[in-house]
Amino acid sequence: MIELAYSLVIEATEDPTFFTFYSPELEGFTGVGSSVEDCLYKARWGMEEHVSLLRERKLPVPLQSDDPRIVIQNAKRVSSAA
């Protein structure tokens, strides 16, 4: 079982060793990893650190999700205006 407090979106890029991730429920939380597994590992511990930082700065902390989702998708392509 993957234990996350918040939902997570992992995006694959054109580089097979570069992934980005963020939580739609935890504003400002983002990161990068070299694989899906790396993103999951970093997200789990990063979410805890992010929440601790929010509390330390007396900023609002969203309630943990009752049913966090993990979505793996391709990153949106940035179209170049020529």
PDB file of N, CA and C in Angstrom:
ATOM      1  N   MET A   1       0.843  -1.176   0.000  1.00  0.00           N
ATOM      2  CA  MET A   1       0.000   0.000   0.000  1.00  0.00           C
ATOM      3  C   MET A   1       0.890   1.242   0.000  1.00  0.00           C
ATOM      4  N   ILE A   2       0.489   2.220  -0.801  1.00  0.00           N
ATOM      5  CA  ILE A   2       1.209   3.485  -0.859  1.00  0.00           C
ATOM      6  C   ILE A   2       0.508   4.442   0.088  1.00  0.00           C
ATOM      7  N   GLU A   3       1.235   4.935   1.064  1.00  0.00           N
ATOM      8  CA  GLU A   3       0.637   5.793   2.072  1.00  0.00           C
ATOM      9  C   GLU A   3       0.987   7.250   1.803  1.00  0.00           C
ATOM     10  N   LEU A   4       0.011   7.984   1.283  1.00  0.00           N
ATOM     11  CA  LEU A   4       0.148   9.416   1.069  1.00  0.00           C
ATOM     12  C   LEU A   4      -0.998  10.112   1.770  1.00  0.00           C
ATOM     13  N   ALA A   5      -0.736  11.294   2.291  1.00  0.00           N
ATOM     14  CA  ALA A   5      -1.776  12.052   2.980  1.00  0.00           C
ATOM     15  C   ALA A   5      -2.639  12.849   2.016  1.00  0.00           C
ATOM     16  N   TYR A   6      -2.115  13.116   0.828  1.00  0.00           N
ATOM     17  CA  TYR A   6      -2.806  13.926  -0.168  1.00  0.00           C
ATOM     18  C   TYR A   6      -2.662  13.263  -1.535  1.00  0.00           C
ATOM     19  N   SER A   7      -3.548  13.624  -2.439  1.00  0.00           N
ATOM     20  CA  SER A   7      -3.467  13.096  -3.802  1.00  0.00           C
ATOM     21  C   SER A   7      -2.199  13.604  -4.480  1.00  0.00           C
ATOM     22  N   LEU A   8      -1.772  12.858  -5.507  1.00  0.00           N
ATOM     23  CA  LEU A   8      -0.519  13.169  -6.181  1.00  0.00           C
ATOM     24  C   LEU A   8      -0.695  12.964  -7.682  1.00  0.00           C
ATOM     25  N   VAL A   9      -0.156  13.905  -8.453  1.00  0.00           N
ATOM     26  CA  VAL A   9      -0.117  13.781  -9.908  1.00  0.00           C
ATOM     27  C   VAL A   9       1.346  13.698 -10.308  1.00  0.00           C
ATOM     28  N   ILE A  10       1.690  12.637 -11.031  1.00  0.00           N
ATOM     29  CA  ILE A  10       3.049  12.450 -11.545  1.00  0.00           C
ATOM     30  C   ILE A  10       2.974  12.602 -13.051  1.00  0.00           C
ATOM     31  N   GLU A  11       3.843  13.443 -13.609  1.00  0.00           N
ATOM     32  CA  GLU A  11       3.831  13.678 -15.046  1.00  0.00           C
ATOM     33  C   GLU A  11       5.129  13.205 -15.681  1.00  0.00           C
ATOM     34  N   ALA A  12       4.982  12.372 -16.706  1.00  0.00           N
ATOM     35  CA  ALA A  12       6.130  11.890 -17.477  1.00  0.00           C
ATOM     36  C   ALA A  12       6.486  12.936 -18.524  1.00  0.00           C
ATOM     37  N   THR A  13       7.763  13.150 -18.720  1.00  0.00           N
ATOM     38  CA  THR A  13       8.219  14.104 -19.730  1.00  0.00           C
ATOM     39  C   THR A  13       8.795  13.323 -20.917  1.00  0.00           C
ATOM     40  N   GLU A  14       9.253  14.043 -21.909  1.00  0.00           N
ATOM     41  CA  GLU A  14       9.854  13.375 -23.066  1.00  0.00           C
ATOM     42  C   GLU A  14      11.163  12.683 -22.695  1.00  0.00           C
ATOM     43  N   ASP A  15      11.799  13.141 -21.637  1.00  0.00           N
ATOM     44  CA  ASP A  15      13.011  12.494 -21.122  1.00  0.00           C
ATOM     45  C   ASP A  15      12.573  11.348 -20.210  1.00  0.00           C
ATOM     46  N   PRO A  16      12.898  10.097 -20.554  1.00  0.00           N
ATOM     47  CA  PRO A  16      12.410   8.964 -19.758  1.00  0.00           C
ATOM     48  C   PRO A  16      12.983   8.897 -18.337  1.00  0.00           C
ATOM     49  N   THR A  17      13.922   9.756 -18.007  1.00  0.00           N
ATOM     50  CA  THR A  17      14.486   9.760 -16.654  1.00  0.00           C
ATOM     51  C   THR A  17      14.142  11.039 -15.897  1.00  0.00           C
ATOM     52  N   PHE A  18      13.098  11.760 -16.348  1.00  0.00           N
ATOM     53  CA  PHE A  18      12.714  13.009 -15.688  1.00  0.00           C
ATOM     54  C   PHE A  18      11.201  13.070 -15.557  1.00  0.00           C
ATOM     55  N   PHE A  19      10.729  13.087 -14.328  1.00  0.00           N
ATOM     56  CA  PHE A  19       9.313  13.159 -14.008  1.00  0.00           C
ATOM     57  C   PHE A  19       9.092  14.347 -13.073  1.00  0.00           C
ATOM     58  N   THR A  20       7.935  14.962 -13.181  1.00  0.00           N
ATOM     59  CA  THR A  20       7.564  16.010 -12.235  1.00  0.00           C
ATOM     60  C   THR A  20       6.356  15.530 -11.447  1.00  0.00           C
ATOM     61  N   PHE A  21       6.152  16.107 -10.276  1.00  0.00           N
ATOM     62  CA  PHE A  21       4.971  15.744  -9.499  1.00  0.00           C
ATOM     63  C   PHE A  21       4.480  16.940  -8.698  1.00  0.00           C
ATOM     64  N   TYR A  22       3.189  16.877  -8.362  1.00  0.00           N
ATOM     65  CA  TYR A  22       2.575  17.900  -7.520  1.00  0.00           C
ATOM     66  C   TYR A  22       1.328  17.315  -6.879  1.00  0.00           C
ATOM     67  N   SER A  23       0.855  18.001  -5.859  1.00  0.00           N
ATOM     68  CA  SER A  23      -0.404  17.609  -5.220  1.00  0.00           C
ATOM     69  C   SER A  23      -1.444  18.675  -5.501  1.00  0.00           C
ATOM     70  N   PRO A  24      -2.572  18.311  -6.111  1.00  0.00           N
ATOM     71  CA  PRO A  24      -3.636  19.291  -6.344  1.00  0.00           C
ATOM     72  C   PRO A  24      -4.312  19.750  -5.043  1.00  0.00           C
ATOM     73  N   GLU A  25      -4.086  19.031  -3.965  1.00  0.00           N
ATOM     74  CA  GLU A  25      -4.720  19.358  -2.680  1.00  0.00           C
ATOM     75  C   GLU A  25      -3.800  20.149  -1.745  1.00  0.00           C
ATOM     76  N   LEU A  26      -2.513  20.129  -2.040  1.00  0.00           N
ATOM     77  CA  LEU A  26      -1.519  20.731  -1.144  1.00  0.00           C
ATOM     78  C   LEU A  26      -0.795  21.829  -1.909  1.00  0.00           C
ATOM     79  N   GLU A  27      -1.357  23.030  -1.848  1.00  0.00           N
ATOM     80  CA  GLU A  27      -0.863  24.153  -2.640  1.00  0.00           C
ATOM     81  C   GLU A  27       0.634  24.385  -2.428  1.00  0.00           C
ATOM     82  N   GLY A  28       1.338  24.555  -3.542  1.00  0.00           N
ATOM     83  CA  GLY A  28       2.765  24.852  -3.495  1.00  0.00           C
ATOM     84  C   GLY A  28       3.661  23.638  -3.414  1.00  0.00           C
ATOM     85  N   PHE A  29       3.084  22.451  -3.355  1.00  0.00           N
ATOM     86  CA  PHE A  29       3.908  21.241  -3.235  1.00  0.00           C
ATOM     87  C   PHE A  29       4.204  20.671  -4.613  1.00  0.00           C
ATOM     88  N   THR A  30       5.472  20.678  -4.990  1.00  0.00           N
ATOM     89  CA  THR A  30       5.919  20.131  -6.272  1.00  0.00           C
ATOM     90  C   THR A  30       7.274  19.470  -6.087  1.00  0.00           C
ATOM     91  N   GLY A  31       7.669  18.698  -7.086  1.00  0.00           N
ATOM     92  CA  GLY A  31       8.996  18.087  -7.046  1.00  0.00           C
ATOM     93  C   GLY A  31       9.315  17.394  -8.353  1.00  0.00           C
ATOM     94  N   VAL A  32      10.503  16.830  -8.407  1.00  0.00           N
ATOM     95  CA  VAL A  32      10.958  16.084  -9.577  1.00  0.00           C
ATOM     96  C   VAL A  32      11.575  14.770  -9.111  1.00  0.00           C
ATOM     97  N   GLY A  33      11.566  13.794 -10.024  1.00  0.00           N
ATOM     98  CA  GLY A  33      12.174  12.509  -9.732  1.00  0.00           C
ATOM     99  C   GLY A  33      12.672  11.856 -11.005  1.00  0.00           C
ATOM    100  N   SER A  34      13.435  10.806 -10.832  1.00  0.00           N
ATOM    101  CA  SER A  34      14.012  10.108 -11.976  1.00  0.00           C
ATOM    102  C   SER A  34      13.177   8.923 -12.439  1.00  0.00           C
ATOM    103  N   SER A  35      12.117   8.603 -11.678  1.00  0.00           N
ATOM    104  CA  SER A  35      11.212   7.502 -12.024  1.00  0.00           C
ATOM    105  C   SER A  35       9.910   7.709 -11.258  1.00  0.00           C
ATOM    106  N   VAL A  36       8.898   6.935 -11.600  1.00  0.00           N
ATOM    107  CA  VAL A  36       7.636   7.001 -10.865  1.00  0.00           C
ATOM    108  C   VAL A  36       7.881   6.639  -9.402  1.00  0.00           C
ATOM    109  N   GLU A  37       8.653   5.596  -9.173  1.00  0.00           N
ATOM    110  CA  GLU A  37       8.936   5.157  -7.807  1.00  0.00           C
ATOM    111  C   GLU A  37       9.681   6.228  -7.025  1.00  0.00           C
ATOM    112  N   ASP A  38      10.627   6.893  -7.677  1.00  0.00           N
ATOM    113  CA  ASP A  38      11.380   7.969  -7.033  1.00  0.00           C
ATOM    114  C   ASP A  38      10.440   9.109  -6.646  1.00  0.00           C
ATOM    115  N   CYS A  39       9.515   9.441  -7.529  1.00  0.00           N
ATOM    116  CA  CYS A  39       8.531  10.498  -7.235  1.00  0.00           C
ATOM    117  C   CYS A  39       7.670  10.123  -6.035  1.00  0.00           C
ATOM    118  N   LEU A  40       7.209   8.887  -5.986  1.00  0.00           N
ATOM    119  CA  LEU A  40       6.386   8.437  -4.864  1.00  0.00           C
ATOM    120  C   LEU A  40       7.141   8.546  -3.545  1.00  0.00           C
ATOM    121  N   TYR A  41       8.399   8.121  -3.556  1.00  0.00           N
ATOM    122  CA  TYR A  41       9.230   8.176  -2.350  1.00  0.00           C
ATOM    123  C   TYR A  41       9.427   9.625  -1.909  1.00  0.00           C
ATOM    124  N   LYS A  42       9.819  10.469  -2.864  1.00  0.00           N
ATOM    125  CA  LYS A  42      10.066  11.878  -2.535  1.00  0.00           C
ATOM    126  C   LYS A  42       8.786  12.579  -2.098  1.00  0.00           C
ATOM    127  N   ALA A  43       7.670  12.243  -2.727  1.00  0.00           N
ATOM    128  CA  ALA A  43       6.393  12.883  -2.391  1.00  0.00           C
ATOM    129  C   ALA A  43       5.967  12.521  -0.972  1.00  0.00           C
ATOM    130  N   ARG A  44       6.134  11.292  -0.606  1.00  0.00           N
ATOM    131  CA  ARG A  44       5.694  10.870   0.733  1.00  0.00           C
ATOM    132  C   ARG A  44       6.388  11.692   1.812  1.00  0.00           C
ATOM    133  N   TRP A  45       7.694  11.770   1.730  1.00  0.00           N
ATOM    134  CA  TRP A  45       8.438  12.508   2.749  1.00  0.00           C
ATOM    135  C   TRP A  45       8.334  14.009   2.532  1.00  0.00           C
ATOM    136  N   GLY A  46       8.258  14.432   1.289  1.00  0.00           N
ATOM    137  CA  GLY A  46       8.144  15.854   0.990  1.00  0.00           C
ATOM    138  C   GLY A  46       6.838  16.450   1.484  1.00  0.00           C
ATOM    139  N   MET A  47       5.760  15.694   1.401  1.00  0.00           N
ATOM    140  CA  MET A  47       4.474  16.182   1.893  1.00  0.00           C
ATOM    141  C   MET A  47       4.547  16.450   3.393  1.00  0.00           C
ATOM    142  N   GLU A  48       5.181  15.561   4.119  1.00  0.00           N
ATOM    143  CA  GLU A  48       5.320  15.753   5.561  1.00  0.00           C
ATOM    144  C   GLU A  48       6.117  17.012   5.864  1.00  0.00           C
ATOM    145  N   GLU A  49       7.206  17.219   5.132  1.00  0.00           N
ATOM    146  CA  GLU A  49       8.030  18.409   5.334  1.00  0.00           C
ATOM    147  C   GLU A  49       7.258  19.680   4.958  1.00  0.00           C
ATOM    148  N   HIS A  50       6.506  19.605   3.873  1.00  0.00           N
ATOM    149  CA  HIS A  50       5.740  20.760   3.411  1.00  0.00           C
ATOM    150  C   HIS A  50       4.693  21.164   4.451  1.00  0.00           C
ATOM    151  N   VAL A  51       3.994  20.189   4.990  1.00  0.00           N
ATOM    152  CA  VAL A  51       2.976  20.455   6.013  1.00  0.00           C
ATOM    153  C   VAL A  51       3.639  21.037   7.267  1.00  0.00           C
ATOM    154  N   SER A  52       4.776  20.507   7.644  1.00  0.00           N
ATOM    155  CA  SER A  52       5.494  21.038   8.809  1.00  0.00           C
ATOM    156  C   SER A  52       5.878  22.499   8.594  1.00  0.00           C
ATOM    157  N   LEU A  53       6.325  22.817   7.403  1.00  0.00           N
ATOM    158  CA  LEU A  53       6.698  24.193   7.077  1.00  0.00           C
ATOM    159  C   LEU A  53       5.476  25.117   7.121  1.00  0.00           C
ATOM    160  N   LEU A  54       4.344  24.652   6.588  1.00  0.00           N
ATOM    161  CA  LEU A  54       3.118  25.452   6.651  1.00  0.00           C
ATOM    162  C   LEU A  54       2.745  25.738   8.100  1.00  0.00           C
ATOM    163  N   ARG A  55       2.814  24.713   8.937  1.00  0.00           N
ATOM    164  CA  ARG A  55       2.464  24.887  10.359  1.00  0.00           C
ATOM    165  C   ARG A  55       3.436  25.852  11.043  1.00  0.00           C
ATOM    166  N   GLU A  56       4.707  25.684  10.734  1.00  0.00           N
ATOM    167  CA  GLU A  56       5.739  26.541  11.329  1.00  0.00           C
ATOM    168  C   GLU A  56       5.494  28.009  10.985  1.00  0.00           C
ATOM    169  N   ARG A  57       5.028  28.249   9.772  1.00  0.00           N
ATOM    170  CA  ARG A  57       4.769  29.623   9.320  1.00  0.00           C
ATOM    171  C   ARG A  57       3.340  30.077   9.623  1.00  0.00           C
ATOM    172  N   LYS A  58       2.618  29.228  10.366  1.00  0.00           N
ATOM    173  CA  LYS A  58       1.227  29.520  10.750  1.00  0.00           C
ATOM    174  C   LYS A  58       0.329  29.783   9.538  1.00  0.00           C
ATOM    175  N   LEU A  59       0.544  28.996   8.500  1.00  0.00           N
ATOM    176  CA  LEU A  59      -0.281  29.058   7.296  1.00  0.00           C
ATOM    177  C   LEU A  59      -1.306  27.934   7.338  1.00  0.00           C
ATOM    178  N   PRO A  60      -2.411  28.056   6.609  1.00  0.00           N
ATOM    179  CA  PRO A  60      -3.435  27.005   6.634  1.00  0.00           C
ATOM    180  C   PRO A  60      -2.907  25.687   6.072  1.00  0.00           C
ATOM    181  N   VAL A  61      -3.295  24.621   6.727  1.00  0.00           N
ATOM    182  CA  VAL A  61      -2.924  23.269   6.286  1.00  0.00           C
ATOM    183  C   VAL A  61      -4.206  22.548   5.874  1.00  0.00           C
ATOM    184  N   PRO A  62      -4.280  22.105   4.603  1.00  0.00           N
ATOM    185  CA  PRO A  62      -5.487  21.384   4.183  1.00  0.00           C
ATOM    186  C   PRO A  62      -5.648  20.067   4.955  1.00  0.00           C
ATOM    187  N   LEU A  63      -6.893  19.677   5.145  1.00  0.00           N
ATOM    188  CA  LEU A  63      -7.154  18.385   5.776  1.00  0.00           C
ATOM    189  C   LEU A  63      -6.611  17.275   4.894  1.00  0.00           C
ATOM    190  N   GLN A  64      -6.112  16.222   5.521  1.00  0.00           N
ATOM    191  CA  GLN A  64      -5.640  15.075   4.758  1.00  0.00           C
ATOM    192  C   GLN A  64      -6.804  14.452   4.006  1.00  0.00           C
ATOM    193  N   SER A  65      -6.507  13.895   2.864  1.00  0.00           N
ATOM    194  CA  SER A  65      -7.525  13.279   2.031  1.00  0.00           C
ATOM    195  C   SER A  65      -7.969  11.947   2.630  1.00  0.00           C
ATOM    196  N   ASP A  66      -9.265  11.695   2.597  1.00  0.00           N
ATOM    197  CA  ASP A  66      -9.780  10.398   3.038  1.00  0.00           C
ATOM    198  C   ASP A  66      -9.480   9.310   2.011  1.00  0.00           C
ATOM    199  N   ASP A  67      -9.340   9.724   0.759  1.00  0.00           N
ATOM    200  CA  ASP A  67      -9.123   8.773  -0.327  1.00  0.00           C
ATOM    201  C   ASP A  67      -8.147   9.379  -1.353  1.00  0.00           C
ATOM    202  N   PRO A  68      -6.853   9.511  -0.964  1.00  0.00           N
ATOM    203  CA  PRO A  68      -5.908  10.139  -1.883  1.00  0.00           C
ATOM    204  C   PRO A  68      -5.725   9.313  -3.154  1.00  0.00           C
ATOM    205  N   ARG A  69      -5.618  10.000  -4.272  1.00  0.00           N
ATOM    206  CA  ARG A  69      -5.448   9.370  -5.583  1.00  0.00           C
ATOM    207  C   ARG A  69      -4.051   9.649  -6.110  1.00  0.00           C
ATOM    208  N   ILE A  70      -3.542   8.714  -6.866  1.00  0.00           N
ATOM    209  CA  ILE A  70      -2.278   8.899  -7.567  1.00  0.00           C
ATOM    210  C   ILE A  70      -2.587   8.788  -9.049  1.00  0.00           C
ATOM    211  N   VAL A  71      -2.262   9.845  -9.786  1.00  0.00           N
ATOM    212  CA  VAL A  71      -2.495   9.890 -11.219  1.00  0.00           C
ATOM    213  C   VAL A  71      -1.139   9.996 -11.895  1.00  0.00           C
ATOM    214  N   ILE A  72      -0.915   9.143 -12.872  1.00  0.00           N
ATOM    215  CA  ILE A  72       0.312   9.203 -13.666  1.00  0.00           C
ATOM    216  C   ILE A  72      -0.113   9.549 -15.079  1.00  0.00           C
ATOM    217  N   GLN A  73       0.419  10.645 -15.585  1.00  0.00           N
ATOM    218  CA  GLN A  73       0.009  11.110 -16.911  1.00  0.00           C
ATOM    219  C   GLN A  73       1.206  11.728 -17.623  1.00  0.00           C
ATOM    220  N   ASN A  74       1.035  11.950 -18.910  1.00  0.00           N
ATOM    221  CA  ASN A  74       2.055  12.657 -19.675  1.00  0.00           C
ATOM    222  C   ASN A  74       1.970  14.136 -19.347  1.00  0.00           C
ATOM    223  N   ALA A  75       3.116  14.780 -19.305  1.00  0.00           N
ATOM    224  CA  ALA A  75       3.137  16.221 -19.095  1.00  0.00           C
ATOM    225  C   ALA A  75       2.528  16.904 -20.321  1.00  0.00           C
ATOM    226  N   LYS A  76       1.879  18.021 -20.065  1.00  0.00           N
ATOM    227  CA  LYS A  76       1.290  18.766 -21.174  1.00  0.00           C
ATOM    228  C   LYS A  76       2.415  19.357 -22.016  1.00  0.00           C
ATOM    229  N   ARG A  77       2.278  19.213 -23.316  1.00  0.00           N
ATOM    230  CA  ARG A  77       3.282  19.777 -24.213  1.00  0.00           C
ATOM    231  C   ARG A  77       3.094  21.278 -24.313  1.00  0.00           C
ATOM    232  N   VAL A  78       4.197  21.966 -24.320  1.00  0.00           N
ATOM    233  CA  VAL A  78       4.163  23.421 -24.470  1.00  0.00           C
ATOM    234  C   VAL A  78       4.317  23.698 -25.943  1.00  0.00           C
ATOM    235  N   SER A  79       3.283  24.297 -26.538  1.00  0.00           N
ATOM    236  CA  SER A  79       3.357  24.587 -27.979  1.00  0.00           C
ATOM    237  C   SER A  79       4.136  25.872 -28.183  1.00  0.00           C
ATOM    238  N   SER A  80       4.988  25.846 -29.171  1.00  0.00           N
ATOM    239  CA  SER A  80       5.785  27.041 -29.461  1.00  0.00           C
ATOM    240  C   SER A  80       5.071  27.851 -30.527  1.00  0.00           C
ATOM    241  N   ALA A  81       4.979  29.133 -30.268  1.00  0.00           N
ATOM    242  CA  ALA A  81       4.342  30.023 -31.238  1.00  0.00           C
ATOM    243  C   ALA A  81       5.397  30.457 -32.250  1.00  0.00           C
ATOM    244  N   ALA A  82       5.215  30.056 -33.484  1.00  0.00           N
ATOM    245  CA  ALA A  82       6.214  30.366 -34.499  1.00  0.00           C
ATOM    246  C   ALA A  82       5.784  31.506 -35.368  1.00  0.00           C
TER     247      ALA A  82
END
